[in-house]
Amino acid sequence: MCSPLEQAMAAIVLTFQRYAGISGDKHKLCQAELKELLEKEMASWTPTELRECDYNKLMSVLDTNKDCEVDFIEYVRSLACLCVYCHEYFKDCAPEPPCSQ
């Protein structure tokens, strides 16, 4: 039986795999794939009123190597940042940003 952490890691990888490669490279998310992932998998964290230009901005922040796609490392880094900025546990942490984005 897998531990909760192992299950969470598997869910992160499987979710990335489900959306990456629909439009091309199976190891990266293009903007349309990222948008679909956010809308379907993180609906309660993603405002419904996001416009296309908002997704453009998000993509430019997540795409740290500027190849116009989000690879798995960029994806995981963004999930870690979301946890730190949004989870109650981290609210009393030092104000230094935990992520380079």
PDB file of N, CA and C in Angstrom:
ATOM      1  N   MET A   1       0.841  -1.186   0.000  1.00  0.00           N
ATOM      2  CA  MET A   1       0.000   0.000   0.000  1.00  0.00           C
ATOM      3  C   MET A   1       0.882   1.243   0.000  1.00  0.00           C
ATOM      4  N   CYS A   2       0.549   2.194  -0.839  1.00  0.00           N
ATOM      5  CA  CYS A   2       1.321   3.422  -0.957  1.00  0.00           C
ATOM      6  C   CYS A   2       0.980   4.379   0.175  1.00  0.00           C
ATOM      7  N   SER A   3       1.981   5.156   0.560  1.00  0.00           N
ATOM      8  CA  SER A   3       1.768   6.188   1.570  1.00  0.00           C
ATOM      9  C   SER A   3       1.027   7.364   0.930  1.00  0.00           C
ATOM     10  N   PRO A   4       0.456   8.245   1.737  1.00  0.00           N
ATOM     11  CA  PRO A   4      -0.219   9.428   1.172  1.00  0.00           C
ATOM     12  C   PRO A   4       0.720  10.284   0.317  1.00  0.00           C
ATOM     13  N   LEU A   5       1.981  10.402   0.725  1.00  0.00           N
ATOM     14  CA  LEU A   5       2.928  11.186  -0.060  1.00  0.00           C
ATOM     15  C   LEU A   5       3.199  10.531  -1.413  1.00  0.00           C
ATOM     16  N   GLU A   6       3.348   9.220  -1.414  1.00  0.00           N
ATOM     17  CA  GLU A   6       3.548   8.508  -2.680  1.00  0.00           C
ATOM     18  C   GLU A   6       2.329   8.648  -3.584  1.00  0.00           C
ATOM     19  N   GLN A   7       1.145   8.594  -3.020  1.00  0.00           N
ATOM     20  CA  GLN A   7      -0.082   8.783  -3.793  1.00  0.00           C
ATOM     21  C   GLN A   7      -0.151  10.194  -4.371  1.00  0.00           C
ATOM     22  N   ALA A   8       0.241  11.174  -3.569  1.00  0.00           N
ATOM     23  CA  ALA A   8       0.234  12.560  -4.044  1.00  0.00           C
ATOM     24  C   ALA A   8       1.222  12.754  -5.190  1.00  0.00           C
ATOM     25  N   MET A   9       2.398  12.181  -5.046  1.00  0.00           N
ATOM     26  CA  MET A   9       3.401  12.296  -6.116  1.00  0.00           C
ATOM     27  C   MET A   9       2.908  11.628  -7.391  1.00  0.00           C
ATOM     28  N   ALA A  10       2.288  10.474  -7.263  1.00  0.00           N
ATOM     29  CA  ALA A  10       1.745   9.785  -8.436  1.00  0.00           C
ATOM     30  C   ALA A  10       0.657  10.624  -9.088  1.00  0.00           C
ATOM     31  N   ALA A  11      -0.185  11.260  -8.287  1.00  0.00           N
ATOM     32  CA  ALA A  11      -1.254  12.108  -8.831  1.00  0.00           C
ATOM     33  C   ALA A  11      -0.674  13.300  -9.581  1.00  0.00           C
ATOM     34  N   ILE A  12       0.397  13.879  -9.069  1.00  0.00           N
ATOM     35  CA  ILE A  12       1.040  15.019  -9.740  1.00  0.00           C
ATOM     36  C   ILE A  12       1.567  14.594 -11.105  1.00  0.00           C
ATOM     37  N   VAL A  13       2.249  13.456 -11.150  1.00  0.00           N
ATOM     38  CA  VAL A  13       2.808  12.965 -12.420  1.00  0.00           C
ATOM     39  C   VAL A  13       1.692  12.577 -13.384  1.00  0.00           C
ATOM     40  N   LEU A  14       0.715  11.829 -12.911  1.00  0.00           N
ATOM     41  CA  LEU A  14      -0.371  11.383 -13.794  1.00  0.00           C
ATOM     42  C   LEU A  14      -1.185  12.550 -14.343  1.00  0.00           C
ATOM     43  N   THR A  15      -1.397  13.567 -13.533  1.00  0.00           N
ATOM     44  CA  THR A  15      -2.135  14.742 -14.009  1.00  0.00           C
ATOM     45  C   THR A  15      -1.350  15.443 -15.102  1.00  0.00           C
ATOM     46  N   PHE A  16      -0.042  15.608 -14.905  1.00  0.00           N
ATOM     47  CA  PHE A  16       0.799  16.226 -15.930  1.00  0.00           C
ATOM     48  C   PHE A  16       0.731  15.404 -17.215  1.00  0.00           C
ATOM     49  N   GLN A  17       0.872  14.080 -17.095  1.00  0.00           N
ATOM     50  CA  GLN A  17       0.847  13.203 -18.274  1.00  0.00           C
ATOM     51  C   GLN A  17      -0.479  13.280 -19.012  1.00  0.00           C
ATOM     52  N   ARG A  18      -1.572  13.427 -18.280  1.00  0.00           N
ATOM     53  CA  ARG A  18      -2.900  13.468 -18.888  1.00  0.00           C
ATOM     54  C   ARG A  18      -3.040  14.657 -19.838  1.00  0.00           C
ATOM     55  N   TYR A  19      -2.402  15.771 -19.532  1.00  0.00           N
ATOM     56  CA  TYR A  19      -2.571  16.984 -20.329  1.00  0.00           C
ATOM     57  C   TYR A  19      -1.395  17.263 -21.259  1.00  0.00           C
ATOM     58  N   ALA A  20      -0.192  16.887 -20.881  1.00  0.00           N
ATOM     59  CA  ALA A  20       0.983  17.154 -21.717  1.00  0.00           C
ATOM     60  C   ALA A  20       0.928  16.293 -22.966  1.00  0.00           C
ATOM     61  N   GLY A  21       1.288  16.872 -24.061  1.00  0.00           N
ATOM     62  CA  GLY A  21       1.381  16.109 -25.292  1.00  0.00           C
ATOM     63  C   GLY A  21       0.122  16.023 -26.112  1.00  0.00           C
ATOM     64  N   ILE A  22      -0.970  16.554 -25.618  1.00  0.00           N
ATOM     65  CA  ILE A  22      -2.199  16.551 -26.418  1.00  0.00           C
ATOM     66  C   ILE A  22      -1.943  17.266 -27.736  1.00  0.00           C
ATOM     67  N   SER A  23      -1.171  18.368 -27.668  1.00  0.00           N
ATOM     68  CA  SER A  23      -0.903  19.169 -28.860  1.00  0.00           C
ATOM     69  C   SER A  23       0.516  19.011 -29.394  1.00  0.00           C
ATOM     70  N   GLY A  24       1.320  18.143 -28.806  1.00  0.00           N
ATOM     71  CA  GLY A  24       2.693  18.019 -29.280  1.00  0.00           C
ATOM     72  C   GLY A  24       3.556  17.209 -28.336  1.00  0.00           C
ATOM     73  N   ASP A  25       4.580  17.841 -27.768  1.00  0.00           N
ATOM     74  CA  ASP A  25       5.572  17.182 -26.915  1.00  0.00           C
ATOM     75  C   ASP A  25       4.918  16.624 -25.658  1.00  0.00           C
ATOM     76  N   LYS A  26       5.066  15.310 -25.438  1.00  0.00           N
ATOM     77  CA  LYS A  26       4.419  14.672 -24.294  1.00  0.00           C
ATOM     78  C   LYS A  26       5.102  14.980 -22.964  1.00  0.00           C
ATOM     79  N   HIS A  27       6.207  15.706 -23.014  1.00  0.00           N
ATOM     80  CA  HIS A  27       6.925  16.067 -21.800  1.00  0.00           C
ATOM     81  C   HIS A  27       6.752  17.535 -21.434  1.00  0.00           C
ATOM     82  N   LYS A  28       5.871  18.234 -22.156  1.00  0.00           N
ATOM     83  CA  LYS A  28       5.668  19.656 -21.899  1.00  0.00           C
ATOM     84  C   LYS A  28       4.205  20.033 -22.093  1.00  0.00           C
ATOM     85  N   LEU A  29       3.800  21.086 -21.411  1.00  0.00           N
ATOM     86  CA  LEU A  29       2.455  21.643 -21.568  1.00  0.00           C
ATOM     87  C   LEU A  29       2.534  22.908 -22.400  1.00  0.00           C
ATOM     88  N   CYS A  30       1.780  22.972 -23.485  1.00  0.00           N
ATOM     89  CA  CYS A  30       1.656  24.234 -24.200  1.00  0.00           C
ATOM     90  C   CYS A  30       0.620  25.068 -23.448  1.00  0.00           C
ATOM     91  N   GLN A  31       0.409  26.297 -23.858  1.00  0.00           N
ATOM     92  CA  GLN A  31      -0.510  27.167 -23.135  1.00  0.00           C
ATOM     93  C   GLN A  31      -1.938  26.614 -23.105  1.00  0.00           C
ATOM     94  N   ALA A  32      -2.391  26.049 -24.197  1.00  0.00           N
ATOM     95  CA  ALA A  32      -3.757  25.494 -24.230  1.00  0.00           C
ATOM     96  C   ALA A  32      -3.889  24.312 -23.273  1.00  0.00           C
ATOM     97  N   GLU A  33      -2.864  23.467 -23.212  1.00  0.00           N
ATOM     98  CA  GLU A  33      -2.883  22.324 -22.297  1.00  0.00           C
ATOM     99  C   GLU A  33      -2.852  22.786 -20.844  1.00  0.00           C
ATOM    100  N   LEU A  34      -2.018  23.787 -20.555  1.00  0.00           N
ATOM    101  CA  LEU A  34      -1.951  24.344 -19.201  1.00  0.00           C
ATOM    102  C   LEU A  34      -3.299  24.938 -18.796  1.00  0.00           C
ATOM    103  N   LYS A  35      -3.913  25.662 -19.713  1.00  0.00           N
ATOM    104  CA  LYS A  35      -5.221  26.263 -19.443  1.00  0.00           C
ATOM    105  C   LYS A  35      -6.256  25.181 -19.134  1.00  0.00           C
ATOM    106  N   GLU A  36      -6.279  24.127 -19.936  1.00  0.00           N
ATOM    107  CA  GLU A  36      -7.235  23.039 -19.712  1.00  0.00           C
ATOM    108  C   GLU A  36      -6.982  22.353 -18.370  1.00  0.00           C
ATOM    109  N   LEU A  37      -5.705  22.106 -18.049  1.00  0.00           N
ATOM    110  CA  LEU A  37      -5.355  21.489 -16.771  1.00  0.00           C
ATOM    111  C   LEU A  37      -5.855  22.345 -15.613  1.00  0.00           C
ATOM    112  N   LEU A  38      -5.591  23.640 -15.662  1.00  0.00           N
ATOM    113  CA  LEU A  38      -6.015  24.534 -14.579  1.00  0.00           C
ATOM    114  C   LEU A  38      -7.536  24.584 -14.454  1.00  0.00           C
ATOM    115  N   GLU A  39      -8.214  24.670 -15.587  1.00  0.00           N
ATOM    116  CA  GLU A  39      -9.682  24.764 -15.555  1.00  0.00           C
ATOM    117  C   GLU A  39     -10.331  23.477 -15.040  1.00  0.00           C
ATOM    118  N   LYS A  40      -9.764  22.326 -15.383  1.00  0.00           N
ATOM    119  CA  LYS A  40     -10.384  21.056 -15.000  1.00  0.00           C
ATOM    120  C   LYS A  40      -9.885  20.507 -13.668  1.00  0.00           C
ATOM    121  N   GLU A  41      -8.611  20.686 -13.373  1.00  0.00           N
ATOM    122  CA  GLU A  41      -8.010  20.058 -12.199  1.00  0.00           C
ATOM    123  C   GLU A  41      -7.883  20.997 -11.002  1.00  0.00           C
ATOM    124  N   MET A  42      -7.933  22.293 -11.251  1.00  0.00           N
ATOM    125  CA  MET A  42      -7.766  23.259 -10.164  1.00  0.00           C
ATOM    126  C   MET A  42      -8.854  24.319 -10.234  1.00  0.00           C
ATOM    127  N   ALA A  43     -10.048  23.890 -10.523  1.00  0.00           N
ATOM    128  CA  ALA A  43     -11.156  24.831 -10.742  1.00  0.00           C
ATOM    129  C   ALA A  43     -11.406  25.738  -9.547  1.00  0.00           C
ATOM    130  N   SER A  44     -11.278  25.228  -8.339  1.00  0.00           N
ATOM    131  CA  SER A  44     -11.547  26.070  -7.174  1.00  0.00           C
ATOM    132  C   SER A  44     -10.406  27.043  -6.895  1.00  0.00           C
ATOM    133  N   TRP A  45      -9.242  26.832  -7.490  1.00  0.00           N
ATOM    134  CA  TRP A  45      -8.105  27.741  -7.318  1.00  0.00           C
ATOM    135  C   TRP A  45      -7.948  28.681  -8.498  1.00  0.00           C
ATOM    136  N   THR A  46      -8.645  28.402  -9.583  1.00  0.00           N
ATOM    137  CA  THR A  46      -8.526  29.207 -10.796  1.00  0.00           C
ATOM    138  C   THR A  46      -9.797  30.020 -10.993  1.00  0.00           C
ATOM    139  N   PRO A  47      -9.680  31.334 -10.913  1.00  0.00           N
ATOM    140  CA  PRO A  47     -10.881  32.152 -11.131  1.00  0.00           C
ATOM    141  C   PRO A  47     -11.479  31.909 -12.513  1.00  0.00           C
ATOM    142  N   THR A  48     -12.791  31.816 -12.587  1.00  0.00           N
ATOM    143  CA  THR A  48     -13.443  31.554 -13.867  1.00  0.00           C
ATOM    144  C   THR A  48     -13.365  32.747 -14.814  1.00  0.00           C
ATOM    145  N   GLU A  49     -13.091  33.909 -14.281  1.00  0.00           N
ATOM    146  CA  GLU A  49     -13.057  35.091 -15.138  1.00  0.00           C
ATOM    147  C   GLU A  49     -11.681  35.374 -15.754  1.00  0.00           C
ATOM    148  N   LEU A  50     -10.769  34.413 -15.694  1.00  0.00           N
ATOM    149  CA  LEU A  50      -9.475  34.619 -16.325  1.00  0.00           C
ATOM    150  C   LEU A  50      -9.655  34.781 -17.826  1.00  0.00           C
ATOM    151  N   ARG A  51      -8.969  35.772 -18.359  1.00  0.00           N
ATOM    152  CA  ARG A  51      -9.012  36.031 -19.798  1.00  0.00           C
ATOM    153  C   ARG A  51      -7.786  35.410 -20.456  1.00  0.00           C
ATOM    154  N   GLU A  52      -7.788  35.367 -21.747  1.00  0.00           N
ATOM    155  CA  GLU A  52      -6.654  34.786 -22.476  1.00  0.00           C
ATOM    156  C   GLU A  52      -5.361  35.508 -22.129  1.00  0.00           C
ATOM    157  N   CYS A  53      -5.416  36.833 -21.972  1.00  0.00           N
ATOM    158  CA  CYS A  53      -4.197  37.568 -21.618  1.00  0.00           C
ATOM    159  C   CYS A  53      -3.699  37.180 -20.226  1.00  0.00           C
ATOM    160  N   ASP A  54      -4.611  36.785 -19.323  1.00  0.00           N
ATOM    161  CA  ASP A  54      -4.190  36.312 -18.004  1.00  0.00           C
ATOM    162  C   ASP A  54      -3.419  35.002 -18.126  1.00  0.00           C
ATOM    163  N   TYR A  55      -3.878  34.114 -19.004  1.00  0.00           N
ATOM    164  CA  TYR A  55      -3.155  32.860 -19.231  1.00  0.00           C
ATOM    165  C   TYR A  55      -1.802  33.134 -19.893  1.00  0.00           C
ATOM    166  N   ASN A  56      -1.737  34.144 -20.748  1.00  0.00           N
ATOM    167  CA  ASN A  56      -0.460  34.529 -21.352  1.00  0.00           C
ATOM    168  C   ASN A  56       0.526  34.950 -20.270  1.00  0.00           C
ATOM    169  N   LYS A  57       0.060  35.754 -19.322  1.00  0.00           N
ATOM    170  CA  LYS A  57       0.924  36.213 -18.226  1.00  0.00           C
ATOM    171  C   LYS A  57       1.361  35.040 -17.355  1.00  0.00           C
ATOM    172  N   LEU A  58       0.420  34.165 -17.019  1.00  0.00           N
ATOM    173  CA  LEU A  58       0.742  33.002 -16.209  1.00  0.00           C
ATOM    174  C   LEU A  58       1.784  32.138 -16.909  1.00  0.00           C
ATOM    175  N   MET A  59       1.583  31.923 -18.190  1.00  0.00           N
ATOM    176  CA  MET A  59       2.519  31.109 -18.962  1.00  0.00           C
ATOM    177  C   MET A  59       3.910  31.735 -18.940  1.00  0.00           C
ATOM    178  N   SER A  60       4.001  33.047 -19.080  1.00  0.00           N
ATOM    179  CA  SER A  60       5.314  33.694 -19.097  1.00  0.00           C
ATOM    180  C   SER A  60       6.016  33.587 -17.747  1.00  0.00           C
ATOM    181  N   VAL A  61       5.248  33.533 -16.656  1.00  0.00           N
ATOM    182  CA  VAL A  61       5.840  33.381 -15.323  1.00  0.00           C
ATOM    183  C   VAL A  61       6.310  31.942 -15.112  1.00  0.00           C
ATOM    184  N   LEU A  62       5.493  30.971 -15.488  1.00  0.00           N
ATOM    185  CA  LEU A  62       5.838  29.570 -15.272  1.00  0.00           C
ATOM    186  C   LEU A  62       6.946  29.087 -16.199  1.00  0.00           C
ATOM    187  N   ASP A  63       6.983  29.615 -17.409  1.00  0.00           N
ATOM    188  CA  ASP A  63       7.938  29.176 -18.433  1.00  0.00           C
ATOM    189  C   ASP A  63       9.299  29.836 -18.188  1.00  0.00           C
ATOM    190  N   THR A  64      10.025  29.341 -17.201  1.00  0.00           N
ATOM    191  CA  THR A  64      11.276  29.983 -16.798  1.00  0.00           C
ATOM    192  C   THR A  64      12.379  29.881 -17.842  1.00  0.00           C
ATOM    193  N   ASN A  65      12.357  28.863 -18.694  1.00  0.00           N
ATOM    194  CA  ASN A  65      13.389  28.750 -19.735  1.00  0.00           C
ATOM    195  C   ASN A  65      12.951  29.392 -21.053  1.00  0.00           C
ATOM    196  N   LYS A  66      11.767  29.966 -21.070  1.00  0.00           N
ATOM    197  CA  LYS A  66      11.233  30.746 -22.196  1.00  0.00           C
ATOM    198  C   LYS A  66      11.185  29.974 -23.513  1.00  0.00           C
ATOM    199  N   ASP A  67      10.733  28.708 -23.434  1.00  0.00           N
ATOM    200  CA  ASP A  67      10.570  27.908 -24.655  1.00  0.00           C
ATOM    201  C   ASP A  67       9.102  27.828 -25.080  1.00  0.00           C
ATOM    202  N   CYS A  68       8.254  28.649 -24.455  1.00  0.00           N
ATOM    203  CA  CYS A  68       6.821  28.730 -24.754  1.00  0.00           C
ATOM    204  C   CYS A  68       6.057  27.469 -24.351  1.00  0.00           C
ATOM    205  N   GLU A  69       6.624  26.677 -23.459  1.00  0.00           N
ATOM    206  CA  GLU A  69       5.970  25.497 -22.919  1.00  0.00           C
ATOM    207  C   GLU A  69       6.377  25.352 -21.456  1.00  0.00           C
ATOM    208  N   VAL A  70       5.575  24.614 -20.703  1.00  0.00           N
ATOM    209  CA  VAL A  70       5.876  24.355 -19.299  1.00  0.00           C
ATOM    210  C   VAL A  70       6.278  22.897 -19.167  1.00  0.00           C
ATOM    211  N   ASP A  71       7.548  22.670 -18.804  1.00  0.00           N
ATOM    212  CA  ASP A  71       8.007  21.296 -18.621  1.00  0.00           C
ATOM    213  C   ASP A  71       7.648  20.828 -17.213  1.00  0.00           C
ATOM    214  N   PHE A  72       7.976  19.587 -16.897  1.00  0.00           N
ATOM    215  CA  PHE A  72       7.564  19.020 -15.623  1.00  0.00           C
ATOM    216  C   PHE A  72       8.181  19.754 -14.440  1.00  0.00           C
ATOM    217  N   ILE A  73       9.435  20.147 -14.546  1.00  0.00           N
ATOM    218  CA  ILE A  73      10.084  20.868 -13.444  1.00  0.00           C
ATOM    219  C   ILE A  73       9.400  22.208 -13.217  1.00  0.00           C
ATOM    220  N   GLU A  74       9.088  22.923 -14.283  1.00  0.00           N
ATOM    221  CA  GLU A  74       8.380  24.205 -14.146  1.00  0.00           C
ATOM    222  C   GLU A  74       6.990  23.998 -13.544  1.00  0.00           C
ATOM    223  N   TYR A  75       6.336  22.927 -13.932  1.00  0.00           N
ATOM    224  CA  TYR A  75       5.011  22.574 -13.416  1.00  0.00           C
ATOM    225  C   TYR A  75       5.070  22.286 -11.915  1.00  0.00           C
ATOM    226  N   VAL A  76       6.014  21.461 -11.504  1.00  0.00           N
ATOM    227  CA  VAL A  76       6.138  21.107 -10.083  1.00  0.00           C
ATOM    228  C   VAL A  76       6.520  22.332  -9.260  1.00  0.00           C
ATOM    229  N   ARG A  77       7.402  23.155  -9.784  1.00  0.00           N
ATOM    230  CA  ARG A  77       7.791  24.387  -9.095  1.00  0.00           C
ATOM    231  C   ARG A  77       6.567  25.280  -8.879  1.00  0.00           C
ATOM    232  N   SER A  78       5.702  25.352  -9.873  1.00  0.00           N
ATOM    233  CA  SER A  78       4.505  26.189  -9.734  1.00  0.00           C
ATOM    234  C   SER A  78       3.550  25.615  -8.691  1.00  0.00           C
ATOM    235  N   LEU A  79       3.431  24.284  -8.620  1.00  0.00           N
ATOM    236  CA  LEU A  79       2.590  23.671  -7.596  1.00  0.00           C
ATOM    237  C   LEU A  79       3.146  23.949  -6.205  1.00  0.00           C
ATOM    238  N   ALA A  80       4.470  23.872  -6.060  1.00  0.00           N
ATOM    239  CA  ALA A  80       5.091  24.162  -4.766  1.00  0.00           C
ATOM    240  C   ALA A  80       4.830  25.607  -4.358  1.00  0.00           C
ATOM    241  N   CYS A  81       4.943  26.515  -5.306  1.00  0.00           N
ATOM    242  CA  CYS A  81       4.679  27.930  -5.008  1.00  0.00           C
ATOM    243  C   CYS A  81       3.221  28.142  -4.603  1.00  0.00           C
ATOM    244  N   LEU A  82       2.305  27.495  -5.296  1.00  0.00           N
ATOM    245  CA  LEU A  82       0.893  27.600  -4.929  1.00  0.00           C
ATOM    246  C   LEU A  82       0.651  27.116  -3.506  1.00  0.00           C
ATOM    247  N   CYS A  83       1.284  26.017  -3.143  1.00  0.00           N
ATOM    248  CA  CYS A  83       1.128  25.492  -1.777  1.00  0.00           C
ATOM    249  C   CYS A  83       1.633  26.499  -0.757  1.00  0.00           C
ATOM    250  N   VAL A  84       2.804  27.058  -1.003  1.00  0.00           N
ATOM    251  CA  VAL A  84       3.399  27.994  -0.053  1.00  0.00           C
ATOM    252  C   VAL A  84       2.573  29.265   0.062  1.00  0.00           C
ATOM    253  N   TYR A  85       2.082  29.766  -1.053  1.00  0.00           N
ATOM    254  CA  TYR A  85       1.334  31.020  -1.030  1.00  0.00           C
ATOM    255  C   TYR A  85      -0.121  30.855  -0.611  1.00  0.00           C
ATOM    256  N   CYS A  86      -0.682  29.674  -0.763  1.00  0.00           N
ATOM    257  CA  CYS A  86      -2.115  29.504  -0.531  1.00  0.00           C
ATOM    258  C   CYS A  86      -2.480  28.663   0.680  1.00  0.00           C
ATOM    259  N   HIS A  87      -1.575  27.851   1.177  1.00  0.00           N
ATOM    260  CA  HIS A  87      -1.927  26.976   2.292  1.00  0.00           C
ATOM    261  C   HIS A  87      -1.738  27.690   3.621  1.00  0.00           C
ATOM    262  N   GLU A  88      -2.681  27.506   4.483  1.00  0.00           N
ATOM    263  CA  GLU A  88      -2.688  28.144   5.801  1.00  0.00           C
ATOM    264  C   GLU A  88      -1.428  27.836   6.612  1.00  0.00           C
ATOM    265  N   TYR A  89      -0.877  26.655   6.466  1.00  0.00           N
ATOM    266  CA  TYR A  89       0.301  26.238   7.222  1.00  0.00           C
ATOM    267  C   TYR A  89       1.475  27.203   7.041  1.00  0.00           C
ATOM    268  N   PHE A  90       1.605  27.794   5.853  1.00  0.00           N
ATOM    269  CA  PHE A  90       2.755  28.634   5.540  1.00  0.00           C
ATOM    270  C   PHE A  90       2.513  30.124   5.767  1.00  0.00           C
ATOM    271  N   LYS A  91       1.362  30.506   6.259  1.00  0.00           N
ATOM    272  CA  LYS A  91       1.022  31.931   6.415  1.00  0.00           C
ATOM    273  C   LYS A  91       1.980  32.670   7.349  1.00  0.00           C
ATOM    274  N   ASP A  92       2.572  31.989   8.322  1.00  0.00           N
ATOM    275  CA  ASP A  92       3.458  32.666   9.268  1.00  0.00           C
ATOM    276  C   ASP A  92       4.939  32.506   8.926  1.00  0.00           C
ATOM    277  N   CYS A  93       5.255  32.060   7.710  1.00  0.00           N
ATOM    278  CA  CYS A  93       6.642  31.906   7.271  1.00  0.00           C
ATOM    279  C   CYS A  93       7.272  33.274   7.053  1.00  0.00           C
ATOM    280  N   ALA A  94       8.586  33.268   6.986  1.00  0.00           N
ATOM    281  CA  ALA A  94       9.319  34.499   6.690  1.00  0.00           C
ATOM    282  C   ALA A  94       8.850  35.070   5.359  1.00  0.00           C
ATOM    283  N   PRO A  95       8.862  36.392   5.204  1.00  0.00           N
ATOM    284  CA  PRO A  95       8.332  37.019   3.987  1.00  0.00           C
ATOM    285  C   PRO A  95       9.164  36.788   2.734  1.00  0.00           C
ATOM    286  N   GLU A  96      10.355  36.207   2.857  1.00  0.00           N
ATOM    287  CA  GLU A  96      11.178  35.957   1.680  1.00  0.00           C
ATOM    288  C   GLU A  96      10.476  34.999   0.740  1.00  0.00           C
ATOM    289  N   PRO A  97      10.332  35.353  -0.553  1.00  0.00           N
ATOM    290  CA  PRO A  97       9.627  34.470  -1.489  1.00  0.00           C
ATOM    291  C   PRO A  97      10.349  33.135  -1.652  1.00  0.00           C
ATOM    292  N   PRO A  98       9.604  32.023  -1.594  1.00  0.00           N
ATOM    293  CA  PRO A  98      10.213  30.712  -1.689  1.00  0.00           C
ATOM    294  C   PRO A  98      10.539  30.286  -3.120  1.00  0.00           C
ATOM    295  N   CYS A  99      10.027  31.009  -4.092  1.00  0.00           N
ATOM    296  CA  CYS A  99      10.200  30.602  -5.488  1.00  0.00           C
ATOM    297  C   CYS A  99      10.800  31.725  -6.289  1.00  0.00           C
ATOM    298  N   SER A 100      11.504  31.367  -7.325  1.00  0.00           N
ATOM    299  CA  SER A 100      12.186  32.365  -8.151  1.00  0.00           C
ATOM    300  C   SER A 100      11.230  33.099  -9.073  1.00  0.00           C
ATOM    301  N   GLN A 101       9.985  32.640  -9.171  1.00  0.00           N
ATOM    302  CA  GLN A 101       9.061  33.236 -10.127  1.00  0.00           C
ATOM    303  C   GLN A 101       8.443  34.453  -9.542  1.00  0.00           C
TER     304      GLN A 101
END
